[in-house]
């Protein structure tokens, strides 16, 4: 049974999303793993911010 992160990434893929932009962090580890498992279908681009 898929978890919420896997369902989220599967939905993005079904919507033909090809690239996701975001910041890494502990709060999205599940999403990052789901993206890693589907890296042939969807890409992740790490963005930067000033802080």
N, C-alpha and C. Protein backbone atom coordinates (compact mmCIF):
# COMPACT_ATOMS: atom_id res chain seq x y z
N UNK A 1 0.85 -1.18 0.00
CA UNK A 1 0.00 0.00 0.00
C UNK A 1 0.90 1.25 0.00
N UNK A 2 0.68 2.17 -0.94
CA UNK A 2 1.53 3.36 -1.02
C UNK A 2 1.27 4.33 0.14
N UNK A 3 2.32 5.03 0.54
CA UNK A 3 2.14 6.05 1.57
C UNK A 3 1.74 7.37 0.89
N UNK A 4 1.55 8.42 1.69
CA UNK A 4 1.07 9.70 1.15
C UNK A 4 2.06 10.30 0.15
N UNK A 5 3.35 10.21 0.45
CA UNK A 5 4.36 10.77 -0.45
C UNK A 5 4.34 10.06 -1.80
N UNK A 6 4.24 8.75 -1.79
CA UNK A 6 4.20 7.99 -3.04
C UNK A 6 2.94 8.32 -3.84
N UNK A 7 1.82 8.47 -3.16
CA UNK A 7 0.57 8.85 -3.83
C UNK A 7 0.69 10.24 -4.43
N UNK A 8 1.32 11.16 -3.70
CA UNK A 8 1.54 12.52 -4.19
C UNK A 8 2.37 12.51 -5.47
N UNK A 9 3.49 11.79 -5.47
CA UNK A 9 4.36 11.74 -6.64
C UNK A 9 3.66 11.02 -7.79
N UNK A 10 2.94 9.95 -7.52
CA UNK A 10 2.18 9.26 -8.57
C UNK A 10 1.15 10.20 -9.21
N UNK A 11 0.54 11.06 -8.40
CA UNK A 11 -0.44 12.02 -8.93
C UNK A 11 0.25 13.05 -9.80
N UNK A 12 1.40 13.55 -9.37
CA UNK A 12 2.14 14.49 -10.20
C UNK A 12 2.50 13.87 -11.55
N UNK A 13 2.93 12.63 -11.53
CA UNK A 13 3.28 11.92 -12.77
C UNK A 13 2.05 11.77 -13.65
N UNK A 14 0.91 11.42 -13.06
CA UNK A 14 -0.33 11.27 -13.81
C UNK A 14 -0.77 12.59 -14.44
N UNK A 15 -0.43 13.71 -13.80
CA UNK A 15 -0.74 15.05 -14.32
C UNK A 15 0.32 15.53 -15.30
N UNK A 16 1.24 14.66 -15.68
CA UNK A 16 2.31 14.97 -16.63
C UNK A 16 3.28 16.05 -16.16
N UNK A 17 3.46 16.14 -14.84
CA UNK A 17 4.47 17.05 -14.29
C UNK A 17 5.83 16.41 -14.56
N UNK A 18 6.74 17.17 -15.13
CA UNK A 18 8.06 16.63 -15.48
C UNK A 18 9.15 17.07 -14.52
N UNK A 19 8.99 18.25 -13.89
CA UNK A 19 10.02 18.80 -13.01
C UNK A 19 9.38 19.39 -11.77
N UNK A 20 9.99 19.13 -10.61
CA UNK A 20 9.56 19.69 -9.34
C UNK A 20 10.74 20.49 -8.79
N UNK A 21 10.47 21.70 -8.32
CA UNK A 21 11.49 22.55 -7.72
C UNK A 21 11.24 22.62 -6.22
N UNK A 22 12.30 22.59 -5.42
CA UNK A 22 12.08 22.68 -3.98
C UNK A 22 13.36 22.73 -3.18
N UNK A 23 13.18 22.84 -1.87
CA UNK A 23 14.28 22.85 -0.91
C UNK A 23 14.28 21.54 -0.15
N UNK A 24 15.45 21.00 0.06
CA UNK A 24 15.57 19.77 0.83
C UNK A 24 15.37 20.08 2.31
N UNK A 25 14.87 19.10 3.03
CA UNK A 25 14.70 19.26 4.47
C UNK A 25 14.06 18.02 5.05
N UNK A 26 14.13 17.89 6.37
CA UNK A 26 13.60 16.71 7.04
C UNK A 26 12.11 16.51 6.79
N UNK A 27 11.38 17.59 6.60
CA UNK A 27 9.94 17.49 6.44
C UNK A 27 9.49 16.84 5.15
N UNK A 28 10.38 16.74 4.16
CA UNK A 28 9.97 16.16 2.87
C UNK A 28 10.80 14.93 2.51
N UNK A 29 11.39 14.29 3.48
CA UNK A 29 12.20 13.09 3.19
C UNK A 29 11.39 12.02 2.46
N UNK A 30 10.15 11.83 2.85
CA UNK A 30 9.31 10.84 2.19
C UNK A 30 9.06 11.17 0.73
N UNK A 31 8.82 12.45 0.46
CA UNK A 31 8.60 12.89 -0.91
C UNK A 31 9.88 12.72 -1.73
N UNK A 32 11.02 13.06 -1.13
CA UNK A 32 12.29 12.91 -1.84
C UNK A 32 12.55 11.44 -2.20
N UNK A 33 12.23 10.54 -1.30
CA UNK A 33 12.42 9.11 -1.60
C UNK A 33 11.48 8.67 -2.72
N UNK A 34 10.25 9.14 -2.69
CA UNK A 34 9.30 8.80 -3.76
C UNK A 34 9.77 9.37 -5.10
N UNK A 35 10.33 10.58 -5.08
CA UNK A 35 10.86 11.17 -6.31
C UNK A 35 12.07 10.37 -6.80
N UNK A 36 12.93 9.95 -5.86
CA UNK A 36 14.11 9.17 -6.23
C UNK A 36 13.71 7.87 -6.91
N UNK A 37 12.68 7.22 -6.39
CA UNK A 37 12.22 5.95 -6.97
C UNK A 37 11.63 6.14 -8.37
N UNK A 38 11.19 7.36 -8.67
CA UNK A 38 10.57 7.64 -9.97
C UNK A 38 11.39 8.62 -10.79
N UNK A 39 12.70 8.67 -10.57
CA UNK A 39 13.54 9.67 -11.24
C UNK A 39 13.57 9.51 -12.75
N UNK A 40 13.15 8.39 -13.27
CA UNK A 40 13.07 8.23 -14.72
C UNK A 40 11.82 8.90 -15.30
N UNK A 41 10.88 9.29 -14.43
CA UNK A 41 9.62 9.89 -14.88
C UNK A 41 9.47 11.35 -14.48
N UNK A 42 10.14 11.77 -13.40
CA UNK A 42 9.99 13.12 -12.88
C UNK A 42 11.32 13.56 -12.27
N UNK A 43 11.68 14.80 -12.49
CA UNK A 43 12.96 15.32 -12.00
C UNK A 43 12.75 16.28 -10.84
N UNK A 44 13.74 16.37 -9.97
CA UNK A 44 13.73 17.31 -8.86
C UNK A 44 14.89 18.26 -9.02
N UNK A 45 14.62 19.56 -8.92
CA UNK A 45 15.66 20.58 -8.99
C UNK A 45 15.71 21.29 -7.65
N UNK A 46 16.86 21.22 -7.01
CA UNK A 46 17.02 21.89 -5.72
C UNK A 46 17.26 23.37 -5.97
N UNK A 47 16.47 24.22 -5.33
CA UNK A 47 16.63 25.65 -5.46
C UNK A 47 17.39 26.19 -4.25
N UNK A 48 17.85 27.39 -4.36
CA UNK A 48 18.59 28.04 -3.28
C UNK A 48 17.79 29.25 -2.79
N UNK A 49 18.10 29.69 -1.60
CA UNK A 49 17.47 30.88 -1.07
C UNK A 49 18.48 31.66 -0.23
N UNK A 50 18.22 32.91 -0.05
CA UNK A 50 19.09 33.75 0.77
C UNK A 50 18.65 33.64 2.21
N UNK A 51 19.58 33.39 3.07
CA UNK A 51 19.25 33.35 4.49
C UNK A 51 20.48 33.64 5.29
